[in-house]
């Protein structure tokens, strides 16, 4: 038994790049794990948003990768983009600290919304290592096989593209550094923006370093100012 590729709602460039993953036995296992979870629990994000990061940031448009761990598990928070929450939802503490760092690094006023779709549409892949979660239980789908899939995403991006910027925040994200070719890409590492890191994230200046690298490689920089989103 195999997954029907036509039924996977993901941007065409990603579908092509990840075709071998979608057709592998482990991906079928992810699907079965997900269906089992859905039969017993509320699962976030909604099914149509599981691949939101890929749909908002087509494979050919990726410039930056920001890696998170797993989706928010509170009602209405998860939207398929790492660190992002929909408009009108309280901005989570880690994102508050990301905004503070951007303000300090680039002089950009902190926005009043946690929706990061504006970044995603410019080429920032907001990738969680695990793409689903049970309501109210962090990391509850970490054994579903998602990490095999997202490790493949990172590896394929590293192999097939050049001059990407990877932002790895916290020990979990840093553990993925071995999937990336440091000769072809810029890999920026820092403490996690969570308040639990006691401010160690501040001063990393990843956002200005990212744009400087992109410009040096004749790639248009990211507009990090969410106040300007359309």
Protein backbone atom coordinates (compact mmCIF):
# COMPACT_ATOMS: atom_id res chain seq x y z
CA UNK A 1 0.00 0.00 0.00
CA UNK A 2 1.27 3.46 -0.93
CA UNK A 3 0.27 7.07 -0.40
CA UNK A 4 -1.63 8.60 -3.32
CA UNK A 5 0.55 11.58 -4.27
CA UNK A 6 -2.39 13.35 -5.91
CA UNK A 7 -4.14 13.55 -2.55
CA UNK A 8 -1.26 15.31 -0.77
CA UNK A 9 -2.08 19.03 -0.78
CA UNK A 10 1.40 20.52 -0.98
CA UNK A 11 3.03 23.00 -3.35
CA UNK A 12 4.14 21.30 -6.58
CA UNK A 13 7.87 22.06 -6.20
CA UNK A 14 7.88 20.46 -2.77
CA UNK A 15 5.83 17.52 -4.02
CA UNK A 16 8.49 16.84 -6.65
CA UNK A 17 11.45 17.39 -4.29
CA UNK A 18 9.94 15.17 -1.57
CA UNK A 19 8.33 12.55 -3.80
CA UNK A 20 10.54 9.72 -2.51
CA UNK A 21 9.63 10.63 1.09
CA UNK A 22 5.88 10.63 0.38
CA UNK A 23 6.16 7.22 -1.30
CA UNK A 24 8.28 5.64 1.44
CA UNK A 25 6.87 3.18 4.03
CA UNK A 26 7.60 5.53 6.94
CA UNK A 27 5.35 8.25 5.49
CA UNK A 28 2.46 5.81 5.28
CA UNK A 29 3.13 5.08 8.96
CA UNK A 30 2.91 8.82 9.75
CA UNK A 31 -0.47 8.93 8.02
CA UNK A 32 -1.72 5.92 10.00
CA UNK A 33 -0.44 7.41 13.28
CA UNK A 34 -2.20 10.66 12.46
CA UNK A 35 -5.51 8.97 11.62
CA UNK A 36 -5.32 7.01 14.88
CA UNK A 37 -4.64 10.22 16.84
CA UNK A 38 -7.55 11.99 15.12
CA UNK A 39 -9.90 9.17 16.09
CA UNK A 40 -9.14 9.71 19.79
CA UNK A 41 -8.04 13.35 20.25
CA UNK A 42 -8.27 16.87 18.94
CA UNK A 43 -5.18 17.43 16.81
CA UNK A 44 -3.46 20.72 15.89
CA UNK A 45 -3.03 22.32 13.45
CA UNK A 46 -6.16 21.58 11.37
CA UNK A 47 -5.42 19.10 8.58
CA UNK A 48 -5.49 21.75 5.84
CA UNK A 49 -2.66 23.64 7.63
CA UNK A 50 -0.26 20.75 8.33
CA UNK A 51 1.75 21.66 5.21
CA UNK A 52 1.12 25.41 5.48
CA UNK A 53 4.85 26.22 5.72
CA UNK A 54 5.47 24.47 2.40
CA UNK A 55 2.46 26.00 0.67
CA UNK A 56 3.30 29.57 1.71
CA UNK A 57 7.01 29.12 0.89
CA UNK A 58 7.36 27.19 -2.41
CA UNK A 59 10.50 25.07 -2.81
CA UNK A 60 11.93 27.40 -5.47
CA UNK A 61 11.45 30.47 -3.24
CA UNK A 62 13.16 29.29 -0.01
CA UNK A 63 15.86 31.69 1.21
CA UNK A 64 15.80 31.17 4.99
CA UNK A 65 14.87 28.24 7.27
CA UNK A 66 13.78 28.83 10.89
CA UNK A 67 13.43 25.54 12.71
CA UNK A 68 10.97 24.97 15.55
CA UNK A 69 10.20 21.79 17.49
CA UNK A 70 6.48 21.07 17.36
CA UNK A 71 3.21 22.99 16.92
CA UNK A 72 1.60 25.00 19.71
CA UNK A 73 -0.90 22.79 21.52
CA UNK A 74 -3.36 25.47 22.72
CA UNK A 75 -6.71 26.11 21.05
CA UNK A 76 -6.43 28.26 17.92
CA UNK A 77 -2.66 28.71 18.13
CA UNK A 78 -1.10 26.29 15.63
CA UNK A 79 -1.15 27.37 11.99
CA UNK A 80 1.53 25.15 10.44
CA UNK A 81 4.31 27.76 10.73
CA UNK A 82 6.97 27.50 13.45
CA UNK A 83 6.66 30.21 16.13
CA UNK A 84 3.61 31.76 14.39
CA UNK A 85 0.06 32.17 15.70
CA UNK A 86 -2.98 33.57 13.84
CA UNK A 87 -4.01 37.20 14.09
CA UNK A 88 -5.92 37.87 17.30
CA UNK A 89 -4.21 35.10 19.31
CA UNK A 90 -1.97 36.18 22.19
CA UNK A 91 1.67 36.35 21.08
CA UNK A 92 3.57 33.46 22.74
CA UNK A 93 6.60 34.26 24.97
CA UNK A 94 9.23 32.92 22.52
CA UNK A 95 7.83 35.07 19.72
CA UNK A 96 7.73 38.11 22.02
CA UNK A 97 11.49 37.60 22.50
CA UNK A 98 12.05 37.16 18.74
CA UNK A 99 10.31 40.50 18.20
CA UNK A 100 12.49 42.11 20.90
CA UNK A 101 15.64 40.87 19.19
CA UNK A 102 14.46 42.17 15.80
CA UNK A 103 13.69 45.54 17.38
CA UNK A 104 17.16 45.67 18.91
CA UNK A 105 18.93 44.34 15.81
CA UNK A 106 17.11 46.27 13.09
CA UNK A 107 15.23 49.06 14.90
CA UNK A 108 11.87 47.62 13.84
CA UNK A 109 8.86 48.35 16.05
CA UNK A 110 7.43 45.26 17.72
CA UNK A 111 4.21 44.22 15.92
CA UNK A 112 0.92 43.48 17.67
CA UNK A 113 0.21 40.23 15.78
CA UNK A 114 1.92 36.85 15.91
CA UNK A 115 1.09 35.89 12.32
CA UNK A 116 4.36 35.32 10.45
CA UNK A 117 2.82 34.57 7.04
CA UNK A 118 4.42 37.78 5.70
CA UNK A 119 7.87 36.26 6.30
CA UNK A 120 6.81 32.91 4.83
CA UNK A 121 5.66 34.52 1.58
CA UNK A 122 9.08 36.17 1.21
CA UNK A 123 10.93 32.85 1.39
CA UNK A 124 11.29 32.13 5.12
CA UNK A 125 10.45 28.45 5.64
CA UNK A 126 8.99 28.29 9.16
CA UNK A 127 9.52 24.56 9.70
CA UNK A 128 8.60 22.55 12.78
CA UNK A 129 10.45 19.24 13.20
CA UNK A 130 7.12 17.61 14.11
CA UNK A 131 4.09 18.78 12.13
CA UNK A 132 1.19 17.81 14.40
CA UNK A 133 0.32 17.58 18.12
CA UNK A 134 -2.52 16.49 20.39
CA UNK A 135 -4.45 19.36 21.99
CA UNK A 136 -2.91 20.28 25.32
CA UNK A 137 0.03 17.83 25.16
CA UNK A 138 3.38 19.16 23.90
CA UNK A 139 5.51 16.77 21.83
CA UNK A 140 2.73 14.17 21.80
CA UNK A 141 3.39 13.30 18.13
CA UNK A 142 7.20 13.33 18.36
CA UNK A 143 7.31 9.55 17.79
CA UNK A 144 5.03 9.60 14.72
CA UNK A 145 7.89 9.68 12.19
CA UNK A 146 7.58 13.36 11.32
CA UNK A 147 11.23 13.99 12.19
CA UNK A 148 12.39 11.51 9.54
CA UNK A 149 10.39 13.58 7.06
CA UNK A 150 11.57 17.01 8.22
CA UNK A 151 15.20 15.81 8.46
CA UNK A 152 14.82 14.86 4.79
CA UNK A 153 13.43 18.36 4.07
CA UNK A 154 16.54 19.96 5.63
CA UNK A 155 18.90 17.54 3.86
CA UNK A 156 17.24 18.05 0.45
CA UNK A 157 17.30 21.85 0.84
CA UNK A 158 20.99 21.66 1.72
CA UNK A 159 21.78 19.43 -1.24
CA UNK A 160 19.65 21.03 -3.96
CA UNK A 161 20.00 24.72 -3.10
CA UNK A 162 22.81 27.18 -2.41
CA UNK A 163 23.22 30.22 -0.17
CA UNK A 164 20.35 29.50 2.20
CA UNK A 165 20.35 30.85 5.76
CA UNK A 166 19.49 28.32 8.47
CA UNK A 167 18.59 29.72 11.91
CA UNK A 168 18.97 27.05 14.59
CA UNK A 169 17.78 28.20 18.00
CA UNK A 170 18.25 26.00 21.06
CA UNK A 171 19.89 22.60 21.47
CA UNK A 172 17.19 20.68 19.63
CA UNK A 173 17.48 22.81 16.48
CA UNK A 174 21.29 22.82 16.72
CA UNK A 175 21.21 19.00 16.64
CA UNK A 176 20.08 19.30 12.99
CA UNK A 177 23.27 21.12 11.94
CA UNK A 178 24.82 17.86 10.75
CA UNK A 179 22.20 17.72 7.96
CA UNK A 180 23.47 20.99 6.43
CA UNK A 181 26.46 21.66 4.18
CA UNK A 182 28.21 24.59 5.88
CA UNK A 183 30.25 25.30 2.73
CA UNK A 184 27.12 26.11 0.68
CA UNK A 185 24.95 27.78 3.31
CA UNK A 186 25.05 30.16 6.28
CA UNK A 187 24.19 28.38 9.54
CA UNK A 188 23.36 30.72 12.44
CA UNK A 189 23.06 29.18 15.91
CA UNK A 190 21.84 30.73 19.17
CA UNK A 191 20.06 29.91 22.40
CA UNK A 192 16.32 29.35 22.15
CA UNK A 193 14.18 32.51 22.31
CA UNK A 194 12.10 30.97 25.10
CA UNK A 195 12.15 32.88 28.41
CA UNK A 196 13.50 29.64 29.93
CA UNK A 197 16.84 30.45 28.23
CA UNK A 198 17.02 33.55 30.49
CA UNK A 199 17.76 36.01 27.70
CA UNK A 200 20.67 34.09 26.13
CA UNK A 201 19.00 34.55 22.72
CA UNK A 202 19.29 38.33 22.87
CA UNK A 203 22.12 39.92 20.93
CA UNK A 204 22.44 37.10 18.38
CA UNK A 205 21.71 39.60 15.57
CA UNK A 206 20.61 36.77 13.28
CA UNK A 207 18.24 38.96 11.31
CA UNK A 208 20.83 41.52 10.20
CA UNK A 209 23.41 38.75 9.61
CA UNK A 210 20.89 36.91 7.45
CA UNK A 211 20.14 39.94 5.27
CA UNK A 212 23.82 40.83 4.93
CA UNK A 213 24.57 37.29 3.70
CA UNK A 214 21.65 37.30 1.24
CA UNK A 215 22.70 40.67 -0.19
CA UNK A 216 26.33 39.53 -0.49
CA UNK A 217 25.06 36.63 -2.60
CA UNK A 218 22.86 38.84 -4.82
CA UNK A 219 19.65 37.58 -3.17
CA UNK A 220 16.99 40.08 -2.15
CA UNK A 221 16.87 40.41 1.68
CA UNK A 222 13.90 39.64 3.92
CA UNK A 223 11.71 42.48 5.11
CA UNK A 224 11.35 41.45 8.77
CA UNK A 225 8.97 44.35 9.54
CA UNK A 226 5.60 42.69 10.16
CA UNK A 227 4.02 46.13 10.54
CA UNK A 228 4.34 46.42 6.74
CA UNK A 229 2.55 43.17 5.90
CA UNK A 230 -0.22 43.43 3.35
